Amino acid sequence: MKSERRRFRRFDVALDVAFDQEAKAVAGITKNISRSGLCFESPVFDHRLNEKVELRIKLPEQDTFIPFSGNVAWTKQVADRYLVGLEFQEIDKAAKVEILDYAYDLWIETQKRAGAIVQ
């Protein structure tokens, strides 16, 4: 059996993210998020491991993006897309709680629909 290396539970959640690359805004979407970081998918990504990247993330009920930064933990090219693992470095604490609460609430609803949680 494969052992789990992650310290925190990851929640599958699709949130819009954006970052700048070569002076152009690039859009992406999160695949999952945890207390320590997130994984997102993007059509382009040209940053090195451990490089600090400035991003913006948007919750569905908000009109604005929340800025944050993270270090590139890993990248993987899959067909014409990139998967990127990012470790949080600088993020407003209240914003982080709001994002994680949203992801957790979505996870709870998914678990209820699947019958894994009885009300």
C-alpha atoms as a PDB file:
ATOM      1  CA  MET A   1       0.000   0.000   0.000  1.00  0.00           C
ATOM      2  CA  LYS A   2       1.291   3.442  -0.912  1.00  0.00           C
ATOM      3  CA  SER A   3       1.877   5.706   2.081  1.00  0.00           C
ATOM      4  CA  GLU A   4       0.460   9.213   2.039  1.00  0.00           C
ATOM      5  CA  ARG A   5       3.132  11.934   2.253  1.00  0.00           C
ATOM      6  CA  ARG A   6       0.778  14.879   2.572  1.00  0.00           C
ATOM      7  CA  ARG A   7       0.347  16.554   5.928  1.00  0.00           C
ATOM      8  CA  PHE A   8      -3.054  18.077   5.116  1.00  0.00           C
ATOM      9  CA  ARG A   9      -6.191  16.811   3.401  1.00  0.00           C
ATOM     10  CA  ARG A  10      -6.601  18.013  -0.161  1.00  0.00           C
ATOM     11  CA  PHE A  11     -10.024  19.111  -1.325  1.00  0.00           C
ATOM     12  CA  ASP A  12     -10.924  18.791  -5.002  1.00  0.00           C
ATOM     13  CA  VAL A  13     -12.221  22.190  -6.033  1.00  0.00           C
ATOM     14  CA  ALA A  14     -12.238  24.120  -9.310  1.00  0.00           C
ATOM     15  CA  LEU A  15     -11.460  27.796  -8.734  1.00  0.00           C
ATOM     16  CA  ASP A  16     -10.230  30.330 -11.258  1.00  0.00           C
ATOM     17  CA  VAL A  17      -6.587  31.336 -10.902  1.00  0.00           C
ATOM     18  CA  ALA A  18      -4.522  33.806 -12.866  1.00  0.00           C
ATOM     19  CA  PHE A  19      -0.842  34.679 -13.054  1.00  0.00           C
ATOM     20  CA  ASP A  20       1.417  36.725 -15.297  1.00  0.00           C
ATOM     21  CA  GLN A  21       3.898  35.127 -17.643  1.00  0.00           C
ATOM     22  CA  GLU A  22       5.991  37.142 -20.085  1.00  0.00           C
ATOM     23  CA  ALA A  23       3.863  40.250 -19.327  1.00  0.00           C
ATOM     24  CA  LYS A  24       0.652  38.427 -20.265  1.00  0.00           C
ATOM     25  CA  ALA A  25      -2.136  37.310 -17.944  1.00  0.00           C
ATOM     26  CA  VAL A  26      -2.637  33.547 -17.992  1.00  0.00           C
ATOM     27  CA  ALA A  27      -5.802  31.865 -16.706  1.00  0.00           C
ATOM     28  CA  GLY A  28      -5.897  28.506 -15.001  1.00  0.00           C
ATOM     29  CA  ILE A  29      -8.094  26.427 -12.741  1.00  0.00           C
ATOM     30  CA  THR A  30      -7.376  24.718  -9.452  1.00  0.00           C
ATOM     31  CA  LYS A  31      -7.599  20.942  -9.225  1.00  0.00           C
ATOM     32  CA  ASN A  32      -7.295  20.748  -5.446  1.00  0.00           C
ATOM     33  CA  ILE A  33      -6.328  22.827  -2.441  1.00  0.00           C
ATOM     34  CA  SER A  34      -5.073  22.237   1.093  1.00  0.00           C
ATOM     35  CA  ARG A  35      -3.803  24.275   4.038  1.00  0.00           C
ATOM     36  CA  SER A  36      -0.275  24.175   2.622  1.00  0.00           C
ATOM     37  CA  GLY A  37      -0.837  24.717  -1.090  1.00  0.00           C
ATOM     38  CA  LEU A  38      -2.725  23.885  -4.221  1.00  0.00           C
ATOM     39  CA  CYS A  39      -2.550  22.178  -7.581  1.00  0.00           C
ATOM     40  CA  PHE A  40      -3.703  24.014 -10.671  1.00  0.00           C
ATOM     41  CA  GLU A  41      -3.892  23.433 -14.401  1.00  0.00           C
ATOM     42  CA  SER A  42      -2.788  25.975 -16.976  1.00  0.00           C
ATOM     43  CA  PRO A  43      -2.248  26.092 -20.743  1.00  0.00           C
ATOM     44  CA  VAL A  44       1.287  27.467 -20.219  1.00  0.00           C
ATOM     45  CA  PHE A  45       3.727  27.555 -17.332  1.00  0.00           C
ATOM     46  CA  ASP A  46       7.356  28.581 -17.589  1.00  0.00           C
ATOM     47  CA  HIS A  47       8.612  28.769 -14.007  1.00  0.00           C
ATOM     48  CA  ARG A  48      11.314  26.735 -12.288  1.00  0.00           C
ATOM     49  CA  LEU A  49      11.073  24.552  -9.195  1.00  0.00           C
ATOM     50  CA  ASN A  50      11.160  26.569  -5.956  1.00  0.00           C
ATOM     51  CA  GLU A  51      10.571  29.790  -7.911  1.00  0.00           C
ATOM     52  CA  LYS A  52       8.194  32.258  -6.258  1.00  0.00           C
ATOM     53  CA  VAL A  53       5.090  32.914  -8.358  1.00  0.00           C
ATOM     54  CA  GLU A  54       2.497  35.639  -7.790  1.00  0.00           C
ATOM     55  CA  LEU A  55      -1.037  34.385  -8.427  1.00  0.00           C
ATOM     56  CA  ARG A  56      -4.627  35.436  -7.990  1.00  0.00           C
ATOM     57  CA  ILE A  57      -7.511  33.141  -7.034  1.00  0.00           C
ATOM     58  CA  LYS A  58     -11.253  33.784  -7.260  1.00  0.00           C
ATOM     59  CA  LEU A  59     -14.086  32.337  -5.242  1.00  0.00           C
ATOM     60  CA  PRO A  60     -17.322  31.899  -7.243  1.00  0.00           C
ATOM     61  CA  GLU A  61     -19.377  34.318  -5.156  1.00  0.00           C
ATOM     62  CA  GLN A  62     -16.782  37.094  -5.363  1.00  0.00           C
ATOM     63  CA  ASP A  63     -16.109  39.598  -8.117  1.00  0.00           C
ATOM     64  CA  THR A  64     -12.437  40.102  -7.302  1.00  0.00           C
ATOM     65  CA  PHE A  65      -9.373  37.886  -7.269  1.00  0.00           C
ATOM     66  CA  ILE A  66      -7.407  37.300  -4.051  1.00  0.00           C
ATOM     67  CA  PRO A  67      -3.644  37.810  -4.539  1.00  0.00           C
ATOM     68  CA  PHE A  68      -1.157  35.359  -3.056  1.00  0.00           C
ATOM     69  CA  SER A  69       2.269  33.942  -3.749  1.00  0.00           C
ATOM     70  CA  GLY A  70       3.713  30.486  -3.621  1.00  0.00           C
ATOM     71  CA  ASN A  71       6.772  28.462  -4.483  1.00  0.00           C
ATOM     72  CA  VAL A  72       6.640  25.943  -7.310  1.00  0.00           C
ATOM     73  CA  ALA A  73       6.832  22.495  -5.683  1.00  0.00           C
ATOM     74  CA  TRP A  74       6.431  20.478  -8.894  1.00  0.00           C
ATOM     75  CA  THR A  75       5.242  20.704 -12.498  1.00  0.00           C
ATOM     76  CA  LYS A  76       4.026  18.111 -14.947  1.00  0.00           C
ATOM     77  CA  GLN A  77       3.101  18.534 -18.590  1.00  0.00           C
ATOM     78  CA  VAL A  78       0.020  16.532 -19.580  1.00  0.00           C
ATOM     79  CA  ALA A  79      -0.726  16.757 -23.326  1.00  0.00           C
ATOM     80  CA  ASP A  80      -1.079  20.485 -24.041  1.00  0.00           C
ATOM     81  CA  ARG A  81      -1.600  21.532 -20.388  1.00  0.00           C
ATOM     82  CA  TYR A  82       0.553  21.906 -17.299  1.00  0.00           C
ATOM     83  CA  LEU A  83      -0.232  20.718 -13.801  1.00  0.00           C
ATOM     84  CA  VAL A  84       1.507  22.773 -11.142  1.00  0.00           C
ATOM     85  CA  GLY A  85       1.914  22.126  -7.429  1.00  0.00           C
ATOM     86  CA  LEU A  86       2.360  25.325  -5.475  1.00  0.00           C
ATOM     87  CA  GLU A  87       3.242  25.714  -1.796  1.00  0.00           C
ATOM     88  CA  PHE A  88       1.658  28.812  -0.196  1.00  0.00           C
ATOM     89  CA  GLN A  89       4.147  31.475   0.876  1.00  0.00           C
ATOM     90  CA  GLU A  90       2.260  34.732   1.287  1.00  0.00           C
ATOM     91  CA  ILE A  91      -1.521  34.799   1.550  1.00  0.00           C
ATOM     92  CA  ASP A  92      -3.856  36.866   3.672  1.00  0.00           C
ATOM     93  CA  LYS A  93      -4.876  34.666   6.603  1.00  0.00           C
ATOM     94  CA  ALA A  94      -8.577  35.613   6.437  1.00  0.00           C
ATOM     95  CA  ALA A  95      -8.615  34.986   2.670  1.00  0.00           C
ATOM     96  CA  LYS A  96      -6.969  31.591   3.155  1.00  0.00           C
ATOM     97  CA  VAL A  97      -9.596  30.628   5.732  1.00  0.00           C
ATOM     98  CA  GLU A  98     -12.353  31.766   3.364  1.00  0.00           C
ATOM     99  CA  ILE A  99     -10.930  29.696   0.491  1.00  0.00           C
ATOM    100  CA  LEU A 100     -10.463  26.604   2.668  1.00  0.00           C
ATOM    101  CA  ASP A 101     -13.956  26.981   4.164  1.00  0.00           C
ATOM    102  CA  TYR A 102     -15.411  27.110   0.662  1.00  0.00           C
ATOM    103  CA  ALA A 103     -13.466  23.982  -0.378  1.00  0.00           C
ATOM    104  CA  TYR A 104     -14.438  22.141   2.822  1.00  0.00           C
ATOM    105  CA  ASP A 105     -18.134  23.021   2.475  1.00  0.00           C
ATOM    106  CA  LEU A 106     -18.077  21.815  -1.127  1.00  0.00           C
ATOM    107  CA  TRP A 107     -16.399  18.575  -0.021  1.00  0.00           C
ATOM    108  CA  ILE A 108     -19.029  18.034   2.704  1.00  0.00           C
ATOM    109  CA  GLU A 109     -21.840  18.487   0.154  1.00  0.00           C
ATOM    110  CA  THR A 110     -20.166  15.996  -2.197  1.00  0.00           C
ATOM    111  CA  GLN A 111     -19.811  13.486   0.647  1.00  0.00           C
ATOM    112  CA  LYS A 112     -23.476  13.899   1.592  1.00  0.00           C
ATOM    113  CA  ARG A 113     -24.608  13.343  -2.006  1.00  0.00           C
ATOM    114  CA  ALA A 114     -22.447  10.230  -2.189  1.00  0.00           C
ATOM    115  CA  GLY A 115     -24.022   8.897   1.020  1.00  0.00           C
ATOM    116  CA  ALA A 116     -20.718   8.946   2.890  1.00  0.00           C
ATOM    117  CA  ILE A 117     -22.158  11.338   5.481  1.00  0.00           C
ATOM    118  CA  VAL A 118     -25.582  10.775   6.991  1.00  0.00           C
ATOM    119  CA  GLN A 119     -27.393  13.888   8.119  1.00  0.00           C
END
